[in-house]
Amino acid sequence: RQVEATPSRREVAFKAFAALTAASAVRPAPALALFGLGGDPIAKYTEQTTAVIEQVKYTLDLPTDSPDKAGAIEKTRQLTNAWVAKYRRDKAITGRPSYGNVYSALNAVSGHYNNFGTKYPLPAKRKDRVLDEFKTAEIALSRGR
């Protein structure tokens, strides 16, 4: 009759630790889409941020007496609210320089329209600051930041 050697507790613990370490080091890439839907979240952020910037610029460039002004302001509000709601809690996005610049500019524009209404135009100094923030954000977006 032959006696089989049983592994010690130390050997079992060491092998388990080695297996867990190896398993945690080899992680699959995060799934970006389900059945082809979704896509790259950073590319989507860049696309949506560029669209919001263009809409706000269009709204700010409209003359005060333009018949399209009220509709443009309403569209700007909707895009701004949707953009902020989508990206405010996303840690992968909020650390980007482009996010901070766009958020600051959108906050200034929304705050103006909420406090002064849609009839009173954005003051020149505030408009210049908003456009500078957008310019900086567009540079950061073009660099993938």
N, C-alpha and C. Protein backbone atom coordinates (compact mmCIF):
# COMPACT_ATOMS: atom_id res chain seq x y z
N ARG A 1 0.84 -1.17 0.00
CA ARG A 1 0.00 0.00 0.00
C ARG A 1 0.88 1.23 0.00
N GLN A 2 0.46 2.26 -0.89
CA GLN A 2 1.28 3.46 -1.05
C GLN A 2 0.57 4.64 -0.41
N VAL A 3 1.31 5.48 0.32
CA VAL A 3 0.74 6.65 0.99
C VAL A 3 0.96 7.88 0.10
N GLU A 4 -0.15 8.62 -0.16
CA GLU A 4 -0.04 9.83 -0.98
C GLU A 4 0.30 11.01 -0.08
N ALA A 5 1.18 11.86 -0.59
CA ALA A 5 1.57 13.06 0.17
C ALA A 5 0.51 14.14 -0.03
N THR A 6 0.01 14.67 1.05
CA THR A 6 -0.96 15.76 0.97
C THR A 6 -0.21 17.09 1.07
N PRO A 7 -0.63 18.08 0.30
CA PRO A 7 0.06 19.37 0.35
C PRO A 7 -0.21 20.08 1.68
N SER A 8 0.76 20.85 2.09
CA SER A 8 0.60 21.58 3.35
C SER A 8 -0.31 22.80 3.12
N ARG A 9 -0.76 23.37 4.20
CA ARG A 9 -1.60 24.57 4.11
C ARG A 9 -0.86 25.71 3.44
N ARG A 10 0.42 25.81 3.72
CA ARG A 10 1.23 26.88 3.14
C ARG A 10 1.29 26.74 1.61
N GLU A 11 1.47 25.51 1.12
CA GLU A 11 1.52 25.29 -0.32
C GLU A 11 0.18 25.62 -0.97
N VAL A 12 -0.92 25.21 -0.35
CA VAL A 12 -2.25 25.49 -0.89
C VAL A 12 -2.50 27.00 -0.92
N ALA A 13 -2.17 27.71 0.16
CA ALA A 13 -2.37 29.15 0.21
C ALA A 13 -1.51 29.86 -0.83
N PHE A 14 -0.26 29.42 -1.00
CA PHE A 14 0.62 30.03 -1.97
C PHE A 14 0.09 29.84 -3.39
N LYS A 15 -0.37 28.63 -3.71
CA LYS A 15 -0.89 28.35 -5.04
C LYS A 15 -2.18 29.13 -5.30
N ALA A 16 -3.03 29.27 -4.30
CA ALA A 16 -4.26 30.04 -4.45
C ALA A 16 -3.95 31.52 -4.69
N PHE A 17 -3.00 32.04 -3.93
CA PHE A 17 -2.59 33.44 -4.10
C PHE A 17 -2.01 33.66 -5.49
N ALA A 18 -1.18 32.75 -5.96
CA ALA A 18 -0.58 32.87 -7.28
C ALA A 18 -1.65 32.82 -8.37
N ALA A 19 -2.63 31.95 -8.21
CA ALA A 19 -3.70 31.84 -9.20
C ALA A 19 -4.55 33.11 -9.24
N LEU A 20 -4.88 33.67 -8.08
CA LEU A 20 -5.66 34.91 -8.02
C LEU A 20 -4.89 36.08 -8.61
N THR A 21 -3.60 36.13 -8.32
CA THR A 21 -2.78 37.21 -8.87
C THR A 21 -2.72 37.12 -10.39
N ALA A 22 -2.53 35.93 -10.90
CA ALA A 22 -2.47 35.74 -12.35
C ALA A 22 -3.82 36.07 -12.99
N ALA A 23 -4.90 35.69 -12.35
CA ALA A 23 -6.22 35.95 -12.90
C ALA A 23 -6.55 37.44 -12.90
N SER A 24 -6.12 38.15 -11.87
CA SER A 24 -6.41 39.59 -11.81
C SER A 24 -5.53 40.38 -12.76
N ALA A 25 -4.35 39.87 -13.08
CA ALA A 25 -3.45 40.56 -14.00
C ALA A 25 -3.92 40.44 -15.45
N VAL A 26 -4.63 39.39 -15.76
CA VAL A 26 -5.09 39.16 -17.12
C VAL A 26 -6.58 39.47 -17.18
N ARG A 27 -6.89 40.77 -17.30
CA ARG A 27 -8.29 41.18 -17.38
C ARG A 27 -8.66 41.43 -18.83
N PRO A 28 -9.86 41.10 -19.22
CA PRO A 28 -10.27 41.41 -20.58
C PRO A 28 -10.52 42.92 -20.72
N ALA A 29 -10.45 43.40 -21.93
CA ALA A 29 -10.76 44.81 -22.19
C ALA A 29 -12.23 45.05 -21.88
N PRO A 30 -12.57 46.23 -21.42
CA PRO A 30 -13.99 46.50 -21.12
C PRO A 30 -14.84 46.42 -22.38
N ALA A 31 -16.03 45.91 -22.22
CA ALA A 31 -16.94 45.79 -23.35
C ALA A 31 -17.48 47.17 -23.69
N LEU A 32 -17.28 47.58 -24.93
CA LEU A 32 -17.72 48.91 -25.35
C LEU A 32 -19.09 48.88 -26.00
N ALA A 33 -19.54 47.73 -26.37
CA ALA A 33 -20.81 47.67 -27.04
C ALA A 33 -21.46 46.31 -26.81
N LEU A 34 -22.75 46.29 -26.92
CA LEU A 34 -23.51 45.06 -26.81
C LEU A 34 -24.19 44.84 -28.15
N PHE A 35 -23.83 43.79 -28.84
CA PHE A 35 -24.39 43.48 -30.15
C PHE A 35 -24.19 44.62 -31.14
N GLY A 36 -23.04 45.31 -31.04
CA GLY A 36 -22.74 46.38 -31.99
C GLY A 36 -23.34 47.73 -31.62
N LEU A 37 -24.01 47.82 -30.50
CA LEU A 37 -24.61 49.10 -30.08
C LEU A 37 -23.69 49.77 -29.07
N GLY A 38 -23.76 51.07 -29.01
CA GLY A 38 -23.00 51.80 -28.00
C GLY A 38 -21.79 52.48 -28.59
N GLY A 39 -20.72 51.79 -28.78
CA GLY A 39 -19.52 52.39 -29.34
C GLY A 39 -18.59 52.91 -28.26
N ASP A 40 -17.59 53.63 -28.70
CA ASP A 40 -16.58 54.17 -27.81
C ASP A 40 -17.14 55.36 -27.03
N PRO A 41 -17.13 55.30 -25.67
CA PRO A 41 -17.72 56.40 -24.90
C PRO A 41 -16.95 57.71 -25.04
N ILE A 42 -15.64 57.65 -25.25
CA ILE A 42 -14.86 58.88 -25.40
C ILE A 42 -15.18 59.55 -26.73
N ALA A 43 -15.33 58.76 -27.78
CA ALA A 43 -15.70 59.33 -29.08
C ALA A 43 -17.10 59.94 -29.01
N LYS A 44 -17.99 59.29 -28.30
CA LYS A 44 -19.35 59.81 -28.14
C LYS A 44 -19.34 61.12 -27.35
N TYR A 45 -18.51 61.16 -26.30
CA TYR A 45 -18.36 62.40 -25.50
C TYR A 45 -17.85 63.54 -26.38
N THR A 46 -16.83 63.26 -27.18
CA THR A 46 -16.27 64.28 -28.05
C THR A 46 -17.30 64.80 -29.05
N GLU A 47 -18.06 63.88 -29.62
CA GLU A 47 -19.09 64.25 -30.59
C GLU A 47 -20.19 65.09 -29.94
N GLN A 48 -20.68 64.66 -28.79
CA GLN A 48 -21.76 65.39 -28.13
C GLN A 48 -21.29 66.74 -27.59
N THR A 49 -20.07 66.79 -27.09
CA THR A 49 -19.54 68.04 -26.57
C THR A 49 -19.36 69.06 -27.70
N THR A 50 -18.87 68.60 -28.83
CA THR A 50 -18.71 69.48 -29.98
C THR A 50 -20.08 70.01 -30.44
N ALA A 51 -21.09 69.16 -30.43
CA ALA A 51 -22.43 69.58 -30.83
C ALA A 51 -22.99 70.63 -29.87
N VAL A 52 -22.76 70.45 -28.57
CA VAL A 52 -23.24 71.42 -27.58
C VAL A 52 -22.53 72.76 -27.77
N ILE A 53 -21.22 72.71 -27.98
CA ILE A 53 -20.44 73.94 -28.18
C ILE A 53 -20.96 74.69 -29.41
N GLU A 54 -21.18 73.98 -30.50
CA GLU A 54 -21.67 74.62 -31.73
C GLU A 54 -23.05 75.23 -31.54
N GLN A 55 -23.92 74.54 -30.82
CA GLN A 55 -25.27 75.07 -30.58
C GLN A 55 -25.21 76.34 -29.75
N VAL A 56 -24.40 76.36 -28.70
CA VAL A 56 -24.30 77.55 -27.84
C VAL A 56 -23.69 78.71 -28.63
N LYS A 57 -22.67 78.44 -29.42
CA LYS A 57 -22.08 79.51 -30.25
C LYS A 57 -23.11 80.08 -31.22
N TYR A 58 -23.88 79.20 -31.84
CA TYR A 58 -24.93 79.65 -32.76
C TYR A 58 -25.93 80.54 -32.03
N THR A 59 -26.33 80.13 -30.85
CA THR A 59 -27.30 80.90 -30.07
C THR A 59 -26.74 82.25 -29.68
N LEU A 60 -25.49 82.29 -29.27
CA LEU A 60 -24.88 83.56 -28.85
C LEU A 60 -24.67 84.50 -30.03
N ASP A 61 -24.49 83.97 -31.24
CA ASP A 61 -24.26 84.81 -32.41
C ASP A 61 -25.54 85.35 -33.03
N LEU A 62 -26.68 84.83 -32.64
CA LEU A 62 -27.94 85.33 -33.19
C LEU A 62 -28.21 86.75 -32.70
N PRO A 63 -28.72 87.61 -33.58
CA PRO A 63 -29.09 88.96 -33.12
C PRO A 63 -30.27 88.90 -32.15
N THR A 64 -30.36 89.91 -31.32
CA THR A 64 -31.40 89.95 -30.29
C THR A 64 -32.81 89.90 -30.88
N ASP A 65 -33.00 90.53 -32.02
CA ASP A 65 -34.34 90.60 -32.62
C ASP A 65 -34.64 89.45 -33.58
N SER A 66 -33.80 88.44 -33.62
CA SER A 66 -34.00 87.31 -34.52
C SER A 66 -35.22 86.49 -34.10
N PRO A 67 -36.05 86.07 -35.07
CA PRO A 67 -37.21 85.24 -34.72
C PRO A 67 -36.80 83.83 -34.27
N ASP A 68 -35.59 83.42 -34.59
CA ASP A 68 -35.11 82.08 -34.20
C ASP A 68 -34.50 82.06 -32.80
N LYS A 69 -34.38 83.22 -32.17
CA LYS A 69 -33.66 83.32 -30.90
C LYS A 69 -34.32 82.46 -29.81
N ALA A 70 -35.62 82.53 -29.64
CA ALA A 70 -36.30 81.78 -28.57
C ALA A 70 -36.14 80.27 -28.78
N GLY A 71 -36.29 79.81 -30.00
CA GLY A 71 -36.13 78.39 -30.29
C GLY A 71 -34.70 77.92 -30.07
N ALA A 72 -33.74 78.76 -30.46
CA ALA A 72 -32.32 78.42 -30.28
C ALA A 72 -31.97 78.34 -28.79
N ILE A 73 -32.51 79.26 -28.01
CA ILE A 73 -32.24 79.25 -26.56
C ILE A 73 -32.85 78.01 -25.93
N GLU A 74 -34.05 77.64 -26.35
CA GLU A 74 -34.69 76.43 -25.80
C GLU A 74 -33.91 75.18 -26.17
N LYS A 75 -33.43 75.11 -27.41
CA LYS A 75 -32.62 73.96 -27.83
C LYS A 75 -31.31 73.93 -27.04
N THR A 76 -30.73 75.09 -26.82
CA THR A 76 -29.49 75.18 -26.02
C THR A 76 -29.73 74.68 -24.61
N ARG A 77 -30.83 75.07 -24.01
CA ARG A 77 -31.15 74.60 -22.65
C ARG A 77 -31.29 73.09 -22.61
N GLN A 78 -32.01 72.54 -23.58
CA GLN A 78 -32.21 71.08 -23.60
C GLN A 78 -30.89 70.34 -23.78
N LEU A 79 -30.06 70.79 -24.73
CA LEU A 79 -28.77 70.14 -24.95
C LEU A 79 -27.86 70.27 -23.72
N THR A 80 -27.88 71.45 -23.12
CA THR A 80 -27.05 71.68 -21.93
C THR A 80 -27.47 70.76 -20.80
N ASN A 81 -28.76 70.70 -20.52
CA ASN A 81 -29.25 69.85 -19.43
C ASN A 81 -28.94 68.38 -19.69
N ALA A 82 -29.13 67.93 -20.93
CA ALA A 82 -28.84 66.53 -21.26
C ALA A 82 -27.35 66.24 -21.13
N TRP A 83 -26.51 67.16 -21.60
CA TRP A 83 -25.05 66.97 -21.55
C TRP A 83 -24.58 66.90 -20.10
N VAL A 84 -25.03 67.85 -19.28
CA VAL A 84 -24.61 67.87 -17.87
C VAL A 84 -25.12 66.63 -17.14
N ALA A 85 -26.37 66.26 -17.37
CA ALA A 85 -26.93 65.08 -16.70
C ALA A 85 -26.18 63.81 -17.08
N LYS A 86 -25.73 63.73 -18.32
CA LYS A 86 -25.06 62.52 -18.78
C LYS A 86 -23.63 62.41 -18.25
N TYR A 87 -22.90 63.52 -18.21
CA TYR A 87 -21.47 63.44 -17.92
C TYR A 87 -21.06 63.91 -16.53
N ARG A 88 -21.96 64.47 -15.75
CA ARG A 88 -21.59 65.01 -14.43
C ARG A 88 -21.01 63.96 -13.49
N ARG A 89 -21.55 62.76 -13.51
CA ARG A 89 -21.11 61.72 -12.55
C ARG A 89 -20.16 60.70 -13.16
N ASP A 90 -19.73 60.94 -14.40
CA ASP A 90 -18.82 60.00 -15.06
C ASP A 90 -17.38 60.39 -14.75
N LYS A 91 -16.74 59.62 -13.87
CA LYS A 91 -15.38 59.94 -13.42
C LYS A 91 -14.36 59.93 -14.55
N ALA A 92 -14.62 59.13 -15.58
CA ALA A 92 -13.69 59.08 -16.71
C ALA A 92 -13.75 60.36 -17.54
N ILE A 93 -14.83 61.11 -17.42
CA ILE A 93 -15.01 62.33 -18.21
C ILE A 93 -14.73 63.59 -17.38
N THR A 94 -15.15 63.62 -16.13
CA THR A 94 -15.07 64.85 -15.35
C THR A 94 -13.64 65.31 -15.08
N GLY A 95 -12.67 64.42 -15.19
CA GLY A 95 -11.29 64.82 -14.98
C GLY A 95 -10.64 65.43 -16.21
N ARG A 96 -11.33 65.42 -17.32
CA ARG A 96 -10.75 65.96 -18.56
C ARG A 96 -10.81 67.49 -18.55
N PRO A 97 -9.77 68.14 -19.07
CA PRO A 97 -9.78 69.61 -19.14
C PRO A 97 -10.94 70.14 -19.99
N SER A 98 -11.27 69.44 -21.06
CA SER A 98 -12.37 69.90 -21.92
C SER A 98 -13.68 69.93 -21.15
N TYR A 99 -13.89 68.95 -20.28
CA TYR A 99 -15.13 68.90 -19.50
C TYR A 99 -15.25 70.13 -18.60
N GLY A 100 -14.17 70.45 -17.89
CA GLY A 100 -14.19 71.59 -16.98
C GLY A 100 -14.47 72.89 -17.70
N ASN A 101 -13.86 73.08 -18.86
CA ASN A 101 -14.08 74.32 -19.62
C ASN A 101 -15.51 74.42 -20.14
N VAL A 102 -16.00 73.33 -20.70
CA VAL A 102 -17.36 73.35 -21.25
C VAL A 102 -18.38 73.51 -20.13
N TYR A 103 -18.18 72.80 -19.02
CA TYR A 103 -19.13 72.89 -17.90
C TYR A 103 -19.19 74.32 -17.38
N SER A 104 -18.04 74.96 -17.24
CA SER A 104 -17.98 76.34 -16.75
C SER A 104 -18.72 77.29 -17.69
N ALA A 105 -18.48 77.13 -18.99
CA ALA A 105 -19.14 77.99 -19.96
C ALA A 105 -20.65 77.76 -20.00
N LEU A 106 -21.06 76.51 -19.97
CA LEU A 106 -22.49 76.21 -19.98
C LEU A 106 -23.17 76.73 -18.73
N ASN A 107 -22.48 76.65 -17.61
CA ASN A 107 -23.02 77.16 -16.36
C ASN A 107 -23.23 78.68 -16.45
N ALA A 108 -22.29 79.39 -17.05
CA ALA A 108 -22.42 80.84 -17.19
C ALA A 108 -23.59 81.20 -18.10
N VAL A 109 -23.72 80.49 -19.21
CA VAL A 109 -24.81 80.79 -20.15
C VAL A 109 -26.16 80.44 -19.52
N SER A 110 -26.26 79.26 -18.93
CA SER A 110 -27.53 78.86 -18.31
C SER A 110 -27.91 79.77 -17.16
N GLY A 111 -26.93 80.14 -16.36
CA GLY A 111 -27.19 81.05 -15.24
C GLY A 111 -27.69 82.39 -15.72
N HIS A 112 -27.14 82.89 -16.82
CA HIS A 112 -27.60 84.17 -17.36
C HIS A 112 -29.06 84.08 -17.80
N TYR A 113 -29.38 83.04 -18.58
CA TYR A 113 -30.75 82.91 -19.07
C TYR A 113 -31.73 82.62 -17.94
N ASN A 114 -31.32 81.91 -16.91
CA ASN A 114 -32.21 81.64 -15.78
C ASN A 114 -32.47 82.90 -14.96
N ASN A 115 -31.45 83.75 -14.80
CA ASN A 115 -31.60 84.94 -13.97
C ASN A 115 -32.18 86.14 -14.72
N PHE A 116 -31.79 86.33 -15.97
CA PHE A 116 -32.18 87.53 -16.70
C PHE A 116 -33.19 87.27 -17.80
N GLY A 117 -33.51 86.02 -18.07
CA GLY A 117 -34.48 85.70 -19.11
C GLY A 117 -33.83 85.65 -20.48
N THR A 118 -34.65 85.39 -21.46
CA THR A 118 -34.13 85.21 -22.82
C THR A 118 -34.09 86.51 -23.61
N LYS A 119 -34.72 87.55 -23.13
CA LYS A 119 -34.76 88.82 -23.87
C LYS A 119 -33.49 89.64 -23.69
N TYR A 120 -32.85 89.50 -22.55
CA TYR A 120 -31.65 90.29 -22.25
C TYR A 120 -30.42 89.56 -22.78
N PRO A 121 -29.63 90.22 -23.66
CA PRO A 121 -28.48 89.51 -24.25
C PRO A 121 -27.36 89.29 -23.23
N LEU A 122 -26.53 88.32 -23.52
CA LEU A 122 -25.37 88.02 -22.69
C LEU A 122 -24.42 89.23 -22.75
N PRO A 123 -23.95 89.74 -21.61
CA PRO A 123 -23.01 90.87 -21.64
C PRO A 123 -21.74 90.50 -22.41
N ALA A 124 -21.12 91.48 -23.03
CA ALA A 124 -19.96 91.25 -23.89
C ALA A 124 -18.82 90.57 -23.13
N LYS A 125 -18.59 90.99 -21.90
CA LYS A 125 -17.49 90.41 -21.11
C LYS A 125 -17.75 88.93 -20.82
N ARG A 126 -19.00 88.60 -20.47
CA ARG A 126 -19.36 87.21 -20.19
C ARG A 126 -19.31 86.38 -21.48
N LYS A 127 -19.79 86.96 -22.56
CA LYS A 127 -19.77 86.25 -23.84
C LYS A 127 -18.33 85.95 -24.26
N ASP A 128 -17.43 86.92 -24.09
CA ASP A 128 -16.02 86.70 -24.43
C ASP A 128 -15.41 85.59 -23.59
N ARG A 129 -15.75 85.56 -22.30
CA ARG A 129 -15.23 84.51 -21.42
C ARG A 129 -15.76 83.14 -21.83
N VAL A 130 -17.03 83.07 -22.17
CA VAL A 130 -17.63 81.80 -22.61
C VAL A 130 -16.97 81.32 -23.90
N LEU A 131 -16.76 82.23 -24.84
CA LEU A 131 -16.13 81.84 -26.10
C LEU A 131 -14.68 81.41 -25.90
N ASP A 132 -13.98 82.06 -24.97
CA ASP A 132 -12.61 81.64 -24.64
C ASP A 132 -12.59 80.24 -24.03
N GLU A 133 -13.56 79.97 -23.14
CA GLU A 133 -13.65 78.64 -22.54
C GLU A 133 -13.91 77.58 -23.62
N PHE A 134 -14.79 77.90 -24.56
CA PHE A 134 -15.08 76.97 -25.65
C PHE A 134 -13.85 76.75 -26.54
N LYS A 135 -13.11 77.82 -26.80
CA LYS A 135 -11.91 77.71 -27.64
C LYS A 135 -10.89 76.78 -26.97
N THR A 136 -10.69 76.98 -25.67
CA THR A 136 -9.78 76.11 -24.92
C THR A 136 -10.28 74.67 -24.91
N ALA A 137 -11.58 74.49 -24.75
CA ALA A 137 -12.16 73.13 -24.74
C ALA A 137 -12.00 72.46 -26.09
N GLU A 138 -12.17 73.20 -27.16
CA GLU A 138 -12.02 72.61 -28.50
C GLU A 138 -10.58 72.18 -28.75
N ILE A 139 -9.63 72.94 -28.25
CA ILE A 139 -8.22 72.55 -28.37
C ILE A 139 -7.98 71.26 -27.59
N ALA A 140 -8.52 71.21 -26.37
CA ALA A 140 -8.35 70.01 -25.54
C ALA A 140 -9.03 68.80 -26.20
N LEU A 141 -10.21 68.99 -26.78
CA LEU A 141 -10.89 67.88 -27.45
C LEU A 141 -10.09 67.39 -28.65
N SER A 142 -9.49 68.32 -29.39
CA SER A 142 -8.72 67.91 -30.56
C SER A 142 -7.47 67.10 -30.15
N ARG A 143 -7.03 67.30 -28.92
CA ARG A 143 -5.88 66.54 -28.41
C ARG A 143 -6.30 65.29 -27.63
N GLY A 144 -7.60 65.03 -27.61
CA GLY A 144 -8.10 63.85 -26.91
C GLY A 144 -8.14 63.99 -25.42
N ARG A 145 -8.23 65.20 -24.94
CA ARG A 145 -8.23 65.45 -23.50
C ARG A 145 -9.56 65.96 -23.07
